[in-house]
Amino acid sequence: MKKLPDYIVLILIISLFVINQEALAYINPGSGSYIFQTITGGLLSIFYLFKKLILNLLNIFKKPGTKDE
């Protein structure tokens, strides 16, 4: 099995860290809070989705005569 592609990928990854250029970009102060809000909202929506899936799965196996409280 040839390892040539693995070496090429490794060299490309190392070159990304070694060859560094100045990024002439500006991030305004409000961008940090916006990024934080989007990450937090995404994580909370994933947790809510799993909660709903688990509750629906538990309702399938629940006895018919019991009430959901």
PDB file of N, CA and C in Angstrom:
ATOM      1  N   MET A   1       0.853  -1.181   0.000  1.00  0.00           N
ATOM      2  CA  MET A   1       0.000   0.000   0.000  1.00  0.00           C
ATOM      3  C   MET A   1       0.899   1.245   0.000  1.00  0.00           C
ATOM      4  N   LYS A   2       0.607   2.182  -0.868  1.00  0.00           N
ATOM      5  CA  LYS A   2       1.437   3.376  -0.989  1.00  0.00           C
ATOM      6  C   LYS A   2       1.060   4.404   0.067  1.00  0.00           C
ATOM      7  N   LYS A   3       2.083   5.032   0.643  1.00  0.00           N
ATOM      8  CA  LYS A   3       1.867   6.053   1.663  1.00  0.00           C
ATOM      9  C   LYS A   3       2.100   7.460   1.110  1.00  0.00           C
ATOM     10  N   LEU A   4       2.277   7.591  -0.187  1.00  0.00           N
ATOM     11  CA  LEU A   4       2.554   8.896  -0.785  1.00  0.00           C
ATOM     12  C   LEU A   4       1.435   9.905  -0.534  1.00  0.00           C
ATOM     13  N   PRO A   5       0.167   9.573  -0.711  1.00  0.00           N
ATOM     14  CA  PRO A   5      -0.887  10.570  -0.441  1.00  0.00           C
ATOM     15  C   PRO A   5      -0.908  11.032   1.015  1.00  0.00           C
ATOM     16  N   ASP A   6      -0.576  10.134   1.957  1.00  0.00           N
ATOM     17  CA  ASP A   6      -0.549  10.531   3.362  1.00  0.00           C
ATOM     18  C   ASP A   6       0.523  11.586   3.609  1.00  0.00           C
ATOM     19  N   TYR A   7       1.685  11.415   2.974  1.00  0.00           N
ATOM     20  CA  TYR A   7       2.758  12.389   3.131  1.00  0.00           C
ATOM     21  C   TYR A   7       2.386  13.731   2.509  1.00  0.00           C
ATOM     22  N   ILE A   8       1.699  13.685   1.393  1.00  0.00           N
ATOM     23  CA  ILE A   8       1.291  14.933   0.743  1.00  0.00           C
ATOM     24  C   ILE A   8       0.305  15.693   1.621  1.00  0.00           C
ATOM     25  N   VAL A   9      -0.639  14.998   2.200  1.00  0.00           N
ATOM     26  CA  VAL A   9      -1.620  15.640   3.087  1.00  0.00           C
ATOM     27  C   VAL A   9      -0.912  16.214   4.308  1.00  0.00           C
ATOM     28  N   LEU A  10       0.032  15.472   4.871  1.00  0.00           N
ATOM     29  CA  LEU A  10       0.776  15.954   6.029  1.00  0.00           C
ATOM     30  C   LEU A  10       1.575  17.201   5.698  1.00  0.00           C
ATOM     31  N   ILE A  11       2.214  17.211   4.543  1.00  0.00           N
ATOM     32  CA  ILE A  11       2.991  18.385   4.127  1.00  0.00           C
ATOM     33  C   ILE A  11       2.068  19.582   3.917  1.00  0.00           C
ATOM     34  N   LEU A  12       0.905  19.377   3.338  1.00  0.00           N
ATOM     35  CA  LEU A  12      -0.045  20.486   3.144  1.00  0.00           C
ATOM     36  C   LEU A  12      -0.544  21.046   4.466  1.00  0.00           C
ATOM     37  N   ILE A  13      -0.826  20.190   5.428  1.00  0.00           N
ATOM     38  CA  ILE A  13      -1.304  20.657   6.731  1.00  0.00           C
ATOM     39  C   ILE A  13      -0.206  21.438   7.449  1.00  0.00           C
ATOM     40  N   ILE A  14       1.014  20.927   7.414  1.00  0.00           N
ATOM     41  CA  ILE A  14       2.129  21.632   8.061  1.00  0.00           C
ATOM     42  C   ILE A  14       2.379  22.972   7.377  1.00  0.00           C
ATOM     43  N   SER A  15       2.263  23.011   6.047  1.00  0.00           N
ATOM     44  CA  SER A  15       2.501  24.269   5.334  1.00  0.00           C
ATOM     45  C   SER A  15       1.440  25.316   5.672  1.00  0.00           C
ATOM     46  N   LEU A  16       0.227  24.878   6.017  1.00  0.00           N
ATOM     47  CA  LEU A  16      -0.798  25.846   6.411  1.00  0.00           C
ATOM     48  C   LEU A  16      -0.417  26.572   7.698  1.00  0.00           C
ATOM     49  N   PHE A  17       0.282  25.879   8.595  1.00  0.00           N
ATOM     50  CA  PHE A  17       0.678  26.498   9.850  1.00  0.00           C
ATOM     51  C   PHE A  17       1.997  27.249   9.738  1.00  0.00           C
ATOM     52  N   VAL A  18       2.870  26.827   8.840  1.00  0.00           N
ATOM     53  CA  VAL A  18       4.187  27.457   8.714  1.00  0.00           C
ATOM     54  C   VAL A  18       4.102  28.723   7.869  1.00  0.00           C
ATOM     55  N   ILE A  19       3.419  28.653   6.745  1.00  0.00           N
ATOM     56  CA  ILE A  19       3.282  29.814   5.856  1.00  0.00           C
ATOM     57  C   ILE A  19       2.122  30.639   6.386  1.00  0.00           C
ATOM     58  N   ASN A  20       2.446  31.741   7.025  1.00  0.00           N
ATOM     59  CA  ASN A  20       1.445  32.550   7.695  1.00  0.00           C
ATOM     60  C   ASN A  20       1.429  33.943   7.088  1.00  0.00           C
ATOM     61  N   GLN A  21       0.261  34.417   6.727  1.00  0.00           N
ATOM     62  CA  GLN A  21       0.118  35.765   6.206  1.00  0.00           C
ATOM     63  C   GLN A  21      -0.794  36.551   7.126  1.00  0.00           C
ATOM     64  N   GLU A  22      -0.604  37.852   7.110  1.00  0.00           N
ATOM     65  CA  GLU A  22      -1.436  38.715   7.929  1.00  0.00           C
ATOM     66  C   GLU A  22      -2.821  38.825   7.309  1.00  0.00           C
ATOM     67  N   ALA A  23      -3.828  38.583   8.110  1.00  0.00           N
ATOM     68  CA  ALA A  23      -5.198  38.687   7.628  1.00  0.00           C
ATOM     69  C   ALA A  23      -5.656  40.128   7.812  1.00  0.00           C
ATOM     70  N   LEU A  24      -5.894  40.797   6.732  1.00  0.00           N
ATOM     71  CA  LEU A  24      -6.319  42.191   6.782  1.00  0.00           C
ATOM     72  C   LEU A  24      -7.842  42.238   6.911  1.00  0.00           C
ATOM     73  N   ALA A  25      -8.316  41.773   8.041  1.00  0.00           N
ATOM     74  CA  ALA A  25      -9.750  41.709   8.279  1.00  0.00           C
ATOM     75  C   ALA A  25     -10.054  42.296   9.653  1.00  0.00           C
ATOM     76  N   TYR A  26     -11.288  42.692   9.833  1.00  0.00           N
ATOM     77  CA  TYR A  26     -11.710  43.280  11.096  1.00  0.00           C
ATOM     78  C   TYR A  26     -13.002  42.611  11.534  1.00  0.00           C
ATOM     79  N   ILE A  27     -13.043  42.182  12.776  1.00  0.00           N
ATOM     80  CA  ILE A  27     -14.263  41.633  13.349  1.00  0.00           C
ATOM     81  C   ILE A  27     -14.765  42.636  14.376  1.00  0.00           C
ATOM     82  N   ASN A  28     -15.958  43.162  14.173  1.00  0.00           N
ATOM     83  CA  ASN A  28     -16.491  44.159  15.098  1.00  0.00           C
ATOM     84  C   ASN A  28     -16.840  43.518  16.441  1.00  0.00           C
ATOM     85  N   PRO A  29     -16.952  44.310  17.493  1.00  0.00           N
ATOM     86  CA  PRO A  29     -17.188  43.764  18.830  1.00  0.00           C
ATOM     87  C   PRO A  29     -18.489  42.979  18.971  1.00  0.00           C
ATOM     88  N   GLY A  30     -19.504  43.276  18.189  1.00  0.00           N
ATOM     89  CA  GLY A  30     -20.774  42.579  18.289  1.00  0.00           C
ATOM     90  C   GLY A  30     -20.754  41.185  17.681  1.00  0.00           C
ATOM     91  N   SER A  31     -19.758  40.897  16.872  1.00  0.00           N
ATOM     92  CA  SER A  31     -19.700  39.587  16.217  1.00  0.00           C
ATOM     93  C   SER A  31     -19.467  38.458  17.206  1.00  0.00           C
ATOM     94  N   GLY A  32     -18.698  38.701  18.247  1.00  0.00           N
ATOM     95  CA  GLY A  32     -18.426  37.665  19.237  1.00  0.00           C
ATOM     96  C   GLY A  32     -19.688  37.218  19.941  1.00  0.00           C
ATOM     97  N   SER A  33     -20.526  38.172  20.330  1.00  0.00           N
ATOM     98  CA  SER A  33     -21.767  37.804  21.015  1.00  0.00           C
ATOM     99  C   SER A  33     -22.733  37.123  20.054  1.00  0.00           C
ATOM    100  N   TYR A  34     -22.713  37.527  18.781  1.00  0.00           N
ATOM    101  CA  TYR A  34     -23.584  36.875  17.793  1.00  0.00           C
ATOM    102  C   TYR A  34     -23.161  35.427  17.570  1.00  0.00           C
ATOM    103  N   ILE A  35     -21.873  35.182  17.464  1.00  0.00           N
ATOM    104  CA  ILE A  35     -21.373  33.818  17.298  1.00  0.00           C
ATOM    105  C   ILE A  35     -21.716  32.983  18.523  1.00  0.00           C
ATOM    106  N   PHE A  36     -21.548  33.554  19.719  1.00  0.00           N
ATOM    107  CA  PHE A  36     -21.892  32.845  20.951  1.00  0.00           C
ATOM    108  C   PHE A  36     -23.374  32.494  20.984  1.00  0.00           C
ATOM    109  N   GLN A  37     -24.242  33.412  20.573  1.00  0.00           N
ATOM    110  CA  GLN A  37     -25.680  33.155  20.572  1.00  0.00           C
ATOM    111  C   GLN A  37     -26.054  32.058  19.582  1.00  0.00           C
ATOM    112  N   THR A  38     -25.434  32.053  18.412  1.00  0.00           N
ATOM    113  CA  THR A  38     -25.775  31.025  17.426  1.00  0.00           C
ATOM    114  C   THR A  38     -25.299  29.647  17.878  1.00  0.00           C
ATOM    115  N   ILE A  39     -24.120  29.576  18.481  1.00  0.00           N
ATOM    116  CA  ILE A  39     -23.631  28.285  18.977  1.00  0.00           C
ATOM    117  C   ILE A  39     -24.513  27.798  20.120  1.00  0.00           C
ATOM    118  N   THR A  40     -24.854  28.685  21.049  1.00  0.00           N
ATOM    119  CA  THR A  40     -25.712  28.313  22.176  1.00  0.00           C
ATOM    120  C   THR A  40     -27.092  27.875  21.692  1.00  0.00           C
ATOM    121  N   GLY A  41     -27.671  28.602  20.772  1.00  0.00           N
ATOM    122  CA  GLY A  41     -28.978  28.235  20.230  1.00  0.00           C
ATOM    123  C   GLY A  41     -28.949  26.902  19.502  1.00  0.00           C
ATOM    124  N   GLY A  42     -27.893  26.653  18.755  1.00  0.00           N
ATOM    125  CA  GLY A  42     -27.763  25.374  18.063  1.00  0.00           C
ATOM    126  C   GLY A  42     -27.650  24.214  19.031  1.00  0.00           C
ATOM    127  N   LEU A  43     -26.827  24.368  20.072  1.00  0.00           N
ATOM    128  CA  LEU A  43     -26.677  23.296  21.057  1.00  0.00           C
ATOM    129  C   LEU A  43     -27.973  23.035  21.812  1.00  0.00           C
ATOM    130  N   LEU A  44     -28.665  24.101  22.199  1.00  0.00           N
ATOM    131  CA  LEU A  44     -29.927  23.927  22.910  1.00  0.00           C
ATOM    132  C   LEU A  44     -30.990  23.275  22.029  1.00  0.00           C
ATOM    133  N   SER A  45     -31.008  23.596  20.747  1.00  0.00           N
ATOM    134  CA  SER A  45     -31.983  22.959  19.863  1.00  0.00           C
ATOM    135  C   SER A  45     -31.668  21.481  19.670  1.00  0.00           C
ATOM    136  N   ILE A  46     -30.385  21.115  19.640  1.00  0.00           N
ATOM    137  CA  ILE A  46     -30.015  19.699  19.541  1.00  0.00           C
ATOM    138  C   ILE A  46     -30.437  18.968  20.798  1.00  0.00           C
ATOM    139  N   PHE A  47     -30.205  19.565  21.991  1.00  0.00           N
ATOM    140  CA  PHE A  47     -30.627  18.935  23.241  1.00  0.00           C
ATOM    141  C   PHE A  47     -32.144  18.755  23.282  1.00  0.00           C
ATOM    142  N   TYR A  48     -32.895  19.759  22.821  1.00  0.00           N
ATOM    143  CA  TYR A  48     -34.353  19.679  22.805  1.00  0.00           C
ATOM    144  C   TYR A  48     -34.817  18.570  21.865  1.00  0.00           C
ATOM    145  N   LEU A  49     -34.165  18.454  20.710  1.00  0.00           N
ATOM    146  CA  LEU A  49     -34.521  17.408  19.757  1.00  0.00           C
ATOM    147  C   LEU A  49     -34.334  16.028  20.374  1.00  0.00           C
ATOM    148  N   PHE A  50     -33.189  15.802  21.037  1.00  0.00           N
ATOM    149  CA  PHE A  50     -32.956  14.510  21.658  1.00  0.00           C
ATOM    150  C   PHE A  50     -33.943  14.249  22.798  1.00  0.00           C
ATOM    151  N   LYS A  51     -34.302  15.293  23.540  1.00  0.00           N
ATOM    152  CA  LYS A  51     -35.281  15.130  24.621  1.00  0.00           C
ATOM    153  C   LYS A  51     -36.624  14.684  24.049  1.00  0.00           C
ATOM    154  N   LYS A  52     -37.069  15.329  22.992  1.00  0.00           N
ATOM    155  CA  LYS A  52     -38.348  14.960  22.377  1.00  0.00           C
ATOM    156  C   LYS A  52     -38.300  13.548  21.805  1.00  0.00           C
ATOM    157  N   LEU A  53     -37.178  13.173  21.182  1.00  0.00           N
ATOM    158  CA  LEU A  53     -37.062  11.832  20.623  1.00  0.00           C
ATOM    159  C   LEU A  53     -37.103  10.770  21.713  1.00  0.00           C
ATOM    160  N   ILE A  54     -36.407  11.025  22.820  1.00  0.00           N
ATOM    161  CA  ILE A  54     -36.382  10.063  23.922  1.00  0.00           C
ATOM    162  C   ILE A  54     -37.765   9.943  24.557  1.00  0.00           C
ATOM    163  N   LEU A  55     -38.451  11.073  24.768  1.00  0.00           N
ATOM    164  CA  LEU A  55     -39.792  11.020  25.352  1.00  0.00           C
ATOM    165  C   LEU A  55     -40.774  10.295  24.438  1.00  0.00           C
ATOM    166  N   ASN A  56     -40.678  10.526  23.137  1.00  0.00           N
ATOM    167  CA  ASN A  56     -41.555   9.819  22.207  1.00  0.00           C
ATOM    168  C   ASN A  56     -41.248   8.326  22.197  1.00  0.00           C
ATOM    169  N   LEU A  57     -39.979   7.981  22.290  1.00  0.00           N
ATOM    170  CA  LEU A  57     -39.597   6.565  22.338  1.00  0.00           C
ATOM    171  C   LEU A  57     -40.095   5.903  23.615  1.00  0.00           C
ATOM    172  N   LEU A  58     -40.038   6.620  24.735  1.00  0.00           N
ATOM    173  CA  LEU A  58     -40.546   6.068  25.995  1.00  0.00           C
ATOM    174  C   LEU A  58     -42.060   5.921  25.975  1.00  0.00           C
ATOM    175  N   ASN A  59     -42.753   6.833  25.295  1.00  0.00           N
ATOM    176  CA  ASN A  59     -44.212   6.736  25.202  1.00  0.00           C
ATOM    177  C   ASN A  59     -44.653   5.518  24.391  1.00  0.00           C
ATOM    178  N   ILE A  60     -43.819   5.073  23.490  1.00  0.00           N
ATOM    179  CA  ILE A  60     -44.158   3.886  22.704  1.00  0.00           C
ATOM    180  C   ILE A  60     -44.206   2.655  23.606  1.00  0.00           C
ATOM    181  N   PHE A  61     -43.272   2.569  24.566  1.00  0.00           N
ATOM    182  CA  PHE A  61     -43.167   1.394  25.412  1.00  0.00           C
ATOM    183  C   PHE A  61     -43.941   1.515  26.723  1.00  0.00           C
ATOM    184  N   LYS A  62     -44.662   2.613  26.921  1.00  0.00           N
ATOM    185  CA  LYS A  62     -45.417   2.810  28.146  1.00  0.00           C
ATOM    186  C   LYS A  62     -46.717   1.995  28.129  1.00  0.00           C
ATOM    187  N   LYS A  63     -47.180   1.605  29.306  1.00  0.00           N
ATOM    188  CA  LYS A  63     -48.439   0.877  29.404  1.00  0.00           C
ATOM    189  C   LYS A  63     -49.587   1.786  29.003  1.00  0.00           C
ATOM    190  N   PRO A  64     -50.623   1.257  28.360  1.00  0.00           N
ATOM    191  CA  PRO A  64     -51.726   2.092  27.886  1.00  0.00           C
ATOM    192  C   PRO A  64     -52.546   2.746  28.996  1.00  0.00           C
ATOM    193  N   GLY A  65     -52.629   2.155  30.179  1.00  0.00           N
ATOM    194  CA  GLY A  65     -53.491   2.671  31.228  1.00  0.00           C
ATOM    195  C   GLY A  65     -52.875   3.764  32.084  1.00  0.00           C
ATOM    196  N   THR A  66     -51.583   4.059  31.963  1.00  0.00           N
ATOM    197  CA  THR A  66     -50.940   5.058  32.833  1.00  0.00           C
ATOM    198  C   THR A  66     -51.032   6.445  32.211  1.00  0.00           C
ATOM    199  N   LYS A  67     -51.097   7.444  33.101  1.00  0.00           N
ATOM    200  CA  LYS A  67     -51.164   8.828  32.638  1.00  0.00           C
ATOM    201  C   LYS A  67     -49.762   9.432  32.593  1.00  0.00           C
ATOM    202  N   ASP A  68     -49.556  10.332  31.660  1.00  0.00           N
ATOM    203  CA  ASP A  68     -48.274  11.029  31.535  1.00  0.00           C
ATOM    204  C   ASP A  68     -48.288  12.262  32.402  1.00  0.00           C
ATOM    205  N   GLU A  69     -47.401  12.340  33.393  1.00  0.00           N
ATOM    206  CA  GLU A  69     -47.375  13.489  34.301  1.00  0.00           C
ATOM    207  C   GLU A  69     -46.115  14.262  34.133  1.00  0.00           C
TER     208      GLU A  69
END
